[in-house]
Amino acid sequence: MHVHARGHLINTDILRRALDAVTAGGGSYRVVSFEIGRTAEDESRLVLDVEASDVGGLDEILQNLGALGFSPERPVDARLESVRCAGVAPEGFYSTTNLPTRVHVGGAWRSVADQRMDAALVVGVHDARCVKLRDLSVGDRVVVGLDGVGVAPDTRTREVSDFAFMSSDISSERRVEAQAARLAELWREHKRRGERVVVVAGPVVVHAGQAESFAGLVRRGYVDALLAGNALAVHDVEAAMLGTSLGVSQESGRPVLHGHMNHMRAINAVRGAGGLAGAVRAGLLGHGIMHACITSGVPFCLAGSIRDDGPLPDTEMDLLVAQAEYARLLAGASLVIVLGTMLHGIGVGNMLPASVSFVCVDINPAVAAKLCDRGSSHTVPVVTDVGLFVAELADRLAEPVGGPT
């Protein structure tokens, strides 16, 4: 069978991965044609003739190639089946990836909207879109099988590919200054173009003593939305009100007497004020990350979990509502940065199309590896101490957005 792909096939490593996918699946290939772009901006075009000893093996190879952006040279229309039970897709439904996708219907290709991972592909009268299983309605026409589905290769910009090349081996053997400088440059460029940058942060930012560094980035206009859990806000408030984080002094780095109670006292104070905004208005919360978000008008969502103390009144404990709010705040983002949170980082990675620049900063290489394993192959991993990294970023982004560089 002839399959084809177009895009930056060489410098994104798609060519090697495609040939490996064929041989690893027990198949063979013949290059029918290969037009290589003359410049770094030009796309390449490749046509392969793929064979396998049995139909099942060929189907598996084609599925793996499809995830890399290859599609049959002569596409057939997608097979559609109607949803019979709300929230339940037909058997064998196509589960989407985070790569730009098209569906062949009525002899023509349609672009798929709301691209994300792990959704069903619903075809309307004039459109096609990704829909989470729980949002399927009776009568929705869902794509079943692989026929008629085309996936485009990774469309990251060259600037992100350059940054990824510096970090892609998921190694800690990189100078934090160089990595921070490159991300600061990328971050500044996105803001210069008027694009949205969303940060997903864990409490390690506070534990490492960098709440004020991060708050400065918020006040200077570099953060368009903050996604986190209850813990980030709790320990940020604890640090702002009591000078500790998890009962450890932010000044001396030593546990304080009865410090284990401090985060609960912070939660109680915020609950008494009716929430974080109330604590700011009452003068209880005078600095820190949440203070910067509230006074700067930066939206945030705190997604709750079963382990949360309190929780804060602002924490959304309904998981489905929190997911929807995360998705709303991520809409239109061009750069998403994860700082020290595996849980929320993986959750956000699953919501994003591959066209969004996605940077994960964590001291644990397993976090970046898990993101890549879960399908967020566009992740740019930076394995380093999150506290040092945030401090470096704050120094390099010391001017407000639009100010001198």
Protein backbone atom coordinates (compact mmCIF):
# COMPACT_ATOMS: atom_id res chain seq x y z
CA MET A 1 0.00 0.00 0.00
CA HIS A 2 1.20 3.49 -0.84
CA VAL A 3 1.26 6.00 2.03
CA HIS A 4 2.48 9.58 1.97
CA ALA A 5 3.43 12.40 4.29
CA ARG A 6 4.54 16.00 3.94
CA GLY A 7 6.21 18.38 6.37
CA HIS A 8 9.57 18.81 8.06
CA LEU A 9 10.25 15.09 7.93
CA ILE A 10 14.00 15.13 8.45
CA ASN A 11 14.73 17.67 11.19
CA THR A 12 11.79 16.41 13.29
CA ASP A 13 13.06 12.81 13.02
CA ILE A 14 9.78 11.61 11.47
CA LEU A 15 11.53 9.90 8.55
CA ARG A 16 13.66 7.66 10.77
CA ARG A 17 10.76 6.87 13.10
CA ALA A 18 8.52 5.94 10.15
CA LEU A 19 11.02 3.53 8.64
CA ASP A 20 11.65 2.02 12.07
CA ALA A 21 7.88 1.57 12.55
CA VAL A 22 7.66 -0.44 9.33
CA THR A 23 10.57 -2.76 10.08
CA ALA A 24 9.65 -3.16 13.78
CA GLY A 25 6.18 -4.28 12.66
CA GLY A 26 7.69 -7.01 10.48
CA GLY A 27 7.00 -5.19 7.24
CA SER A 28 9.08 -3.87 4.36
CA TYR A 29 9.10 -0.60 2.47
CA ARG A 30 10.15 0.93 -0.83
CA VAL A 31 10.67 4.65 -1.30
CA VAL A 32 8.47 5.58 -4.26
CA SER A 33 9.39 9.26 -4.20
CA PHE A 34 11.09 11.68 -1.83
CA GLU A 35 11.19 15.42 -2.50
CA ILE A 36 13.41 17.16 0.05
CA GLY A 37 12.76 20.82 0.81
CA ARG A 38 15.52 23.11 -0.38
CA THR A 39 15.46 25.38 2.68
CA ALA A 40 14.76 24.88 6.39
CA GLU A 41 11.29 26.39 5.86
CA ASP A 42 10.35 24.18 2.90
CA GLU A 43 8.37 21.01 3.47
CA SER A 44 9.50 17.60 2.23
CA ARG A 45 7.22 15.07 0.54
CA LEU A 46 7.59 11.30 0.90
CA VAL A 47 5.68 8.39 -0.65
CA LEU A 48 6.34 4.86 0.66
CA ASP A 49 5.14 1.51 -0.64
CA VAL A 50 4.56 -0.57 2.51
CA GLU A 51 4.04 -4.33 2.57
CA ALA A 52 3.51 -6.93 5.29
CA SER A 53 3.03 -10.69 5.35
CA ASP A 54 -0.52 -10.52 6.74
CA VAL A 55 -3.40 -8.07 6.90
CA GLY A 56 -3.23 -7.71 10.68
CA GLY A 57 0.43 -6.81 10.58
CA LEU A 58 -0.15 -4.26 7.82
CA ASP A 59 -3.01 -2.67 9.76
CA GLU A 60 -0.77 -2.27 12.81
CA ILE A 61 2.01 -0.71 10.73
CA LEU A 62 -0.43 1.69 9.07
CA GLN A 63 -1.80 2.67 12.47
CA ASN A 64 1.71 3.46 13.73
CA LEU A 65 2.50 5.39 10.55
CA GLY A 66 -0.76 7.27 10.89
CA ALA A 67 0.34 8.55 14.30
CA LEU A 68 3.41 10.00 12.56
CA GLY A 69 1.38 11.80 9.92
CA PHE A 70 1.24 9.25 7.09
CA SER A 71 -2.01 8.57 5.23
CA PRO A 72 -3.03 6.43 2.23
CA GLU A 73 -2.22 8.05 -1.10
CA ARG A 74 -5.76 7.36 -2.31
CA PRO A 75 -7.95 7.94 0.76
CA VAL A 76 -11.39 6.47 1.21
CA ASP A 77 -14.19 8.08 3.17
CA ALA A 78 -14.21 7.53 6.92
CA ARG A 79 -16.69 5.01 8.28
CA LEU A 80 -19.24 6.67 10.54
CA GLU A 81 -21.52 5.14 13.16
CA SER A 82 -24.10 6.88 15.31
CA VAL A 83 -23.96 7.11 19.08
CA ARG A 84 -26.78 5.07 20.62
CA CYS A 85 -26.09 5.76 24.29
CA ALA A 86 -25.03 9.19 25.56
CA GLY A 87 -21.40 9.19 26.69
CA VAL A 88 -20.60 5.88 24.95
CA ALA A 89 -18.83 5.70 21.57
CA PRO A 90 -19.48 2.95 19.02
CA GLU A 91 -17.22 -0.11 19.20
CA GLY A 92 -13.89 0.44 17.45
CA PHE A 93 -14.14 4.23 17.45
CA TYR A 94 -11.08 6.22 16.38
CA SER A 95 -9.29 7.68 19.42
CA THR A 96 -7.63 10.99 18.56
CA THR A 97 -4.04 12.14 19.00
CA ASN A 98 -2.79 15.66 19.72
CA LEU A 99 -1.55 16.12 16.13
CA PRO A 100 -3.50 18.17 13.55
CA THR A 101 -6.07 15.81 12.03
CA ARG A 102 -8.28 15.67 8.93
CA VAL A 103 -11.17 13.37 8.11
CA HIS A 104 -12.21 12.34 4.59
CA VAL A 105 -15.99 12.66 4.18
CA GLY A 106 -18.01 12.93 0.98
CA GLY A 107 -14.88 12.72 -1.15
CA ALA A 108 -13.17 15.70 0.50
CA TRP A 109 -10.95 16.39 3.51
CA ARG A 110 -12.22 18.32 6.52
CA SER A 111 -9.98 19.79 9.22
CA VAL A 112 -10.81 18.63 12.75
CA ALA A 113 -11.50 21.31 15.36
CA ASP A 114 -10.78 21.25 19.11
CA GLN A 115 -7.79 18.95 18.61
CA ARG A 116 -6.76 17.00 21.71
CA MET A 117 -5.74 13.52 22.78
CA ASP A 118 -8.00 10.63 23.73
CA ALA A 119 -11.27 11.90 22.25
CA ALA A 120 -13.78 10.63 19.71
CA LEU A 121 -13.93 12.20 16.25
CA VAL A 122 -17.46 13.50 15.61
CA VAL A 123 -18.49 14.49 12.08
CA GLY A 124 -21.29 17.01 11.66
CA VAL A 125 -23.07 18.24 8.55
CA HIS A 126 -20.31 20.68 7.69
CA ASP A 127 -17.61 20.17 10.32
CA ALA A 128 -15.62 17.64 12.36
CA ARG A 129 -14.38 17.98 15.92
CA CYS A 130 -12.82 16.13 18.85
CA VAL A 131 -15.34 15.30 21.57
CA LYS A 132 -14.62 13.71 24.96
CA LEU A 133 -16.47 10.46 25.49
CA ARG A 134 -18.59 11.85 28.32
CA ASP A 135 -19.81 14.66 26.02
CA LEU A 136 -21.09 12.41 23.22
CA SER A 137 -24.80 12.76 22.50
CA VAL A 138 -27.21 10.24 21.01
CA GLY A 139 -27.14 10.60 17.22
CA ASP A 140 -23.60 11.98 16.98
CA ARG A 141 -21.80 10.43 14.02
CA VAL A 142 -18.44 9.06 15.18
CA VAL A 143 -15.52 7.89 13.06
CA VAL A 144 -14.89 4.16 13.46
CA GLY A 145 -11.63 2.55 12.39
CA LEU A 146 -8.65 4.20 10.67
CA ASP A 147 -9.96 4.72 7.13
CA GLY A 148 -10.36 8.30 6.05
CA VAL A 149 -8.32 9.80 8.91
CA GLY A 150 -5.21 11.83 8.12
CA VAL A 151 -2.77 13.07 10.77
CA ALA A 152 -0.24 15.81 10.01
CA PRO A 153 3.33 15.59 11.30
CA ASP A 154 4.44 17.65 14.32
CA THR A 155 4.08 21.33 13.38
CA ARG A 156 6.28 22.93 16.02
CA THR A 157 8.13 26.04 14.94
CA ARG A 158 11.85 25.95 14.27
CA GLU A 159 12.56 27.99 17.42
CA VAL A 160 10.96 25.31 19.59
CA SER A 161 12.78 22.56 17.72
CA ASP A 162 16.06 24.31 18.47
CA PHE A 163 15.16 24.50 22.16
CA ALA A 164 14.08 20.85 22.11
CA PHE A 165 17.38 19.81 20.56
CA MET A 166 19.19 21.29 23.54
CA SER A 167 17.03 19.37 26.02
CA SER A 168 15.49 16.38 24.29
CA ASP A 169 17.62 13.64 25.81
CA ILE A 170 15.92 14.17 29.20
CA SER A 171 19.25 14.72 30.87
CA SER A 172 20.19 16.88 33.84
CA GLU A 173 23.63 17.50 32.35
CA ARG A 174 22.81 21.01 31.14
CA ARG A 175 23.69 24.39 32.60
CA VAL A 176 20.57 25.83 34.20
CA GLU A 177 21.62 29.34 33.09
CA ALA A 178 21.71 28.33 29.43
CA GLN A 179 18.37 26.55 29.60
CA ALA A 180 16.71 29.45 31.42
CA ALA A 181 18.15 31.93 28.93
CA ARG A 182 16.72 29.96 26.00
CA LEU A 183 13.27 29.62 27.56
CA ALA A 184 13.26 33.31 28.54
CA GLU A 185 14.01 34.19 24.92
CA LEU A 186 11.23 31.90 23.69
CA TRP A 187 8.80 33.26 26.32
CA ARG A 188 9.61 36.86 25.42
CA GLU A 189 9.11 36.13 21.72
CA HIS A 190 5.66 34.63 22.30
CA LYS A 191 4.61 37.70 24.30
CA ARG A 192 6.11 40.03 21.68
CA ARG A 193 3.77 38.40 19.14
CA GLY A 194 0.82 38.98 21.49
CA GLU A 195 0.33 35.27 22.19
CA ARG A 196 -0.91 33.64 25.38
CA VAL A 197 1.42 31.88 27.81
CA VAL A 198 -0.05 29.57 30.47
CA VAL A 199 1.94 28.24 33.44
CA VAL A 200 1.16 25.00 35.29
CA ALA A 201 2.89 25.11 38.68
CA GLY A 202 3.38 22.84 41.65
CA PRO A 203 4.06 23.79 45.29
CA VAL A 204 7.80 23.20 44.83
CA VAL A 205 7.96 26.77 43.49
CA VAL A 206 7.01 27.95 46.98
CA HIS A 207 9.00 25.31 48.87
CA ALA A 208 12.12 26.40 46.97
CA GLY A 209 11.61 30.00 48.11
CA GLN A 210 10.70 31.35 44.66
CA ALA A 211 7.11 32.49 45.24
CA GLU A 212 8.13 36.14 44.90
CA SER A 213 10.20 35.43 41.78
CA PHE A 214 7.19 33.80 40.15
CA ALA A 215 4.86 36.53 41.42
CA GLY A 216 7.13 39.04 39.69
CA LEU A 217 6.63 37.25 36.37
CA VAL A 218 2.87 37.51 36.91
CA ARG A 219 3.00 41.22 37.74
CA ARG A 220 5.22 41.97 34.73
CA GLY A 221 2.67 40.45 32.34
CA TYR A 222 4.38 37.20 31.37
CA VAL A 223 1.66 34.86 32.68
CA ASP A 224 -1.79 34.88 31.07
CA ALA A 225 -3.26 32.11 33.22
CA LEU A 226 -2.12 29.90 36.10
CA LEU A 227 -3.16 26.26 36.48
CA ALA A 228 -2.36 24.49 39.74
CA GLY A 229 -3.74 22.47 42.61
CA ASN A 230 -4.80 23.35 46.12
CA ALA A 231 -1.27 22.86 47.48
CA LEU A 232 0.40 25.66 45.49
CA ALA A 233 -2.07 28.23 46.81
CA VAL A 234 -2.05 26.85 50.36
CA HIS A 235 1.72 27.00 50.74
CA ASP A 236 1.93 30.32 48.93
CA VAL A 237 -0.51 31.77 51.46
CA GLU A 238 1.35 30.07 54.32
CA ALA A 239 4.63 31.63 53.15
CA ALA A 240 3.06 35.07 52.72
CA MET A 241 1.24 35.08 56.06
CA LEU A 242 3.57 33.08 58.32
CA GLY A 243 6.92 32.98 56.54
CA THR A 244 7.00 29.18 56.30
CA SER A 245 6.33 26.52 53.72
CA LEU A 246 5.37 23.08 55.08
CA GLY A 247 6.38 24.48 58.44
CA VAL A 248 9.94 25.28 57.29
CA SER A 249 11.17 28.84 57.63
CA GLN A 250 11.68 30.53 54.27
CA GLU A 251 14.51 32.57 55.79
CA SER A 252 16.57 29.98 57.68
CA GLY A 253 15.47 26.77 55.99
CA ARG A 254 14.82 25.22 59.40
CA PRO A 255 11.59 23.81 60.81
CA VAL A 256 9.85 26.18 63.21
CA LEU A 257 8.13 25.19 66.45
CA HIS A 258 4.67 23.76 65.71
CA GLY A 259 5.24 24.69 62.06
CA HIS A 260 3.27 21.66 60.90
CA MET A 261 0.14 23.62 61.89
CA ASN A 262 0.94 26.67 59.78
CA HIS A 263 -0.61 25.57 56.49
CA MET A 264 -3.85 24.73 58.32
CA ARG A 265 -3.82 28.16 59.97
CA ALA A 266 -3.34 29.72 56.54
CA ILE A 267 -6.25 27.73 55.13
CA ASN A 268 -8.43 28.74 58.07
CA ALA A 269 -7.61 32.43 57.61
CA VAL A 270 -8.53 32.32 53.91
CA ARG A 271 -11.73 30.44 54.64
CA GLY A 272 -12.63 33.07 57.23
CA ALA A 273 -12.15 35.77 54.61
CA GLY A 274 -14.39 33.94 52.15
CA GLY A 275 -11.60 33.10 49.74
CA LEU A 276 -8.31 34.35 48.34
CA ALA A 277 -9.73 37.59 46.94
CA GLY A 278 -11.35 38.31 50.29
CA ALA A 279 -8.03 37.70 52.04
CA VAL A 280 -6.37 40.22 49.70
CA ARG A 281 -9.09 42.81 50.30
CA ALA A 282 -8.86 42.31 54.07
CA GLY A 283 -5.10 42.84 54.01
CA LEU A 284 -4.43 39.30 55.24
CA LEU A 285 -2.64 38.37 52.02
CA GLY A 286 -0.23 41.09 50.98
CA HIS A 287 2.20 39.37 48.60
CA GLY A 288 2.97 36.07 46.89
CA ILE A 289 1.75 34.27 43.79
CA MET A 290 -1.98 34.29 44.48
CA HIS A 291 -1.84 37.95 45.55
CA ALA A 292 -0.11 38.79 42.25
CA CYS A 293 -2.73 36.88 40.22
CA ILE A 294 -5.64 38.58 41.99
CA THR A 295 -4.24 42.12 41.90
CA SER A 296 -3.02 41.73 38.29
CA GLY A 297 -6.27 40.19 37.03
CA VAL A 298 -4.60 36.95 35.93
CA PRO A 299 -7.13 34.09 35.90
CA PHE A 300 -6.30 30.85 37.69
CA CYS A 301 -7.81 27.47 38.37
CA LEU A 302 -6.97 25.33 41.39
CA ALA A 303 -7.98 21.73 40.68
CA GLY A 304 -8.67 19.74 43.82
CA SER A 305 -7.79 16.15 44.70
CA ILE A 306 -8.61 13.62 47.42
CA ARG A 307 -5.47 14.52 49.41
CA ASP A 308 -6.20 18.25 49.76
CA ASP A 309 -6.26 19.85 53.20
CA GLY A 310 -9.04 22.36 53.68
CA PRO A 311 -9.47 22.88 50.85
CA LEU A 312 -9.35 26.60 50.07
CA PRO A 313 -12.74 28.01 49.02
CA ASP A 314 -11.21 28.81 45.60
CA THR A 315 -10.23 25.18 44.93
CA GLU A 316 -12.57 23.42 42.51
CA MET A 317 -13.32 20.01 43.98
CA ASP A 318 -15.58 18.88 41.14
CA LEU A 319 -13.13 17.15 38.79
CA LEU A 320 -15.23 17.61 35.65
CA VAL A 321 -15.70 21.32 36.33
CA ALA A 322 -11.97 21.70 37.00
CA GLN A 323 -11.12 19.92 33.72
CA ALA A 324 -13.46 22.21 31.81
CA GLU A 325 -11.96 25.31 33.45
CA TYR A 326 -8.42 24.12 32.67
CA ALA A 327 -9.46 23.65 29.04
CA ARG A 328 -11.03 27.12 28.92
CA LEU A 329 -7.89 28.79 30.26
CA LEU A 330 -5.69 26.81 27.87
CA ALA A 331 -7.71 27.84 24.81
CA GLY A 332 -5.59 29.89 22.44
CA ALA A 333 -2.34 29.37 24.36
CA SER A 334 0.79 29.18 22.21
CA LEU A 335 3.24 28.31 25.02
CA VAL A 336 2.56 26.20 28.13
CA ILE A 337 5.21 25.81 30.83
CA VAL A 338 5.00 23.14 33.55
CA LEU A 339 6.98 23.81 36.73
CA GLY A 340 7.39 20.84 39.05
CA THR A 341 4.03 19.05 38.89
CA MET A 342 3.60 15.59 37.38
CA LEU A 343 -0.14 15.27 38.06
CA HIS A 344 -1.26 18.55 36.55
CA GLY A 345 1.46 18.50 33.89
CA ILE A 346 0.30 15.19 32.43
CA GLY A 347 -3.33 16.31 32.63
CA VAL A 348 -2.59 19.50 30.72
CA GLY A 349 -0.39 17.72 28.20
CA ASN A 350 -3.33 15.50 27.25
CA MET A 351 -5.49 18.56 26.58
CA LEU A 352 -3.12 20.27 24.14
CA PRO A 353 -2.65 19.96 20.39
CA ALA A 354 0.95 19.32 19.37
CA SER A 355 1.13 22.77 17.76
CA VAL A 356 1.35 24.32 21.24
CA SER A 357 4.90 24.74 22.55
CA PHE A 358 5.04 22.66 25.73
CA VAL A 359 7.97 22.90 28.18
CA CYS A 360 8.25 20.70 31.28
CA VAL A 361 10.71 21.72 34.02
CA ASP A 362 11.29 19.15 36.77
CA ILE A 363 14.24 17.76 38.70
CA ASN A 364 12.92 14.24 38.15
CA PRO A 365 13.61 12.88 34.63
CA ALA A 366 10.71 10.44 35.06
CA VAL A 367 8.21 13.31 34.86
CA ALA A 368 9.28 14.31 31.36
CA ALA A 369 9.52 10.64 30.39
CA LYS A 370 5.95 10.01 31.56
CA LEU A 371 4.70 12.99 29.55
CA CYS A 372 6.35 11.61 26.43
CA ASP A 373 5.06 8.09 27.16
CA ARG A 374 1.52 9.41 27.54
CA GLY A 375 1.68 10.74 23.99
CA SER A 376 2.83 14.32 24.57
CA SER A 377 5.84 13.71 22.34
CA HIS A 378 6.09 17.45 21.66
CA THR A 379 7.22 17.96 25.27
CA VAL A 380 10.51 19.84 25.66
CA PRO A 381 12.02 18.48 28.90
CA VAL A 382 14.24 20.58 31.14
CA VAL A 383 15.64 18.44 33.94
CA THR A 384 16.90 20.77 36.65
CA ASP A 385 16.12 22.28 40.05
CA VAL A 386 12.83 24.15 39.62
CA GLY A 387 13.71 26.78 42.25
CA LEU A 388 16.99 27.73 40.60
CA PHE A 389 15.32 27.72 37.19
CA VAL A 390 12.49 30.06 38.26
CA ALA A 391 15.00 32.43 39.85
CA GLU A 392 17.02 32.52 36.61
CA LEU A 393 13.88 33.10 34.55
CA ALA A 394 12.80 35.97 36.79
CA ASP A 395 16.22 37.61 36.43
CA ARG A 396 16.15 37.29 32.64
CA LEU A 397 12.55 38.54 32.38
CA ALA A 398 13.07 41.48 34.73
CA GLU A 399 11.48 44.01 32.38
CA PRO A 400 7.71 44.15 31.93
CA VAL A 401 6.24 42.72 28.73
CA GLY A 402 6.93 45.23 25.98
CA GLY A 403 9.78 46.85 27.95
CA PRO A 404 13.51 46.86 27.12
CA THR A 405 15.10 43.42 26.55
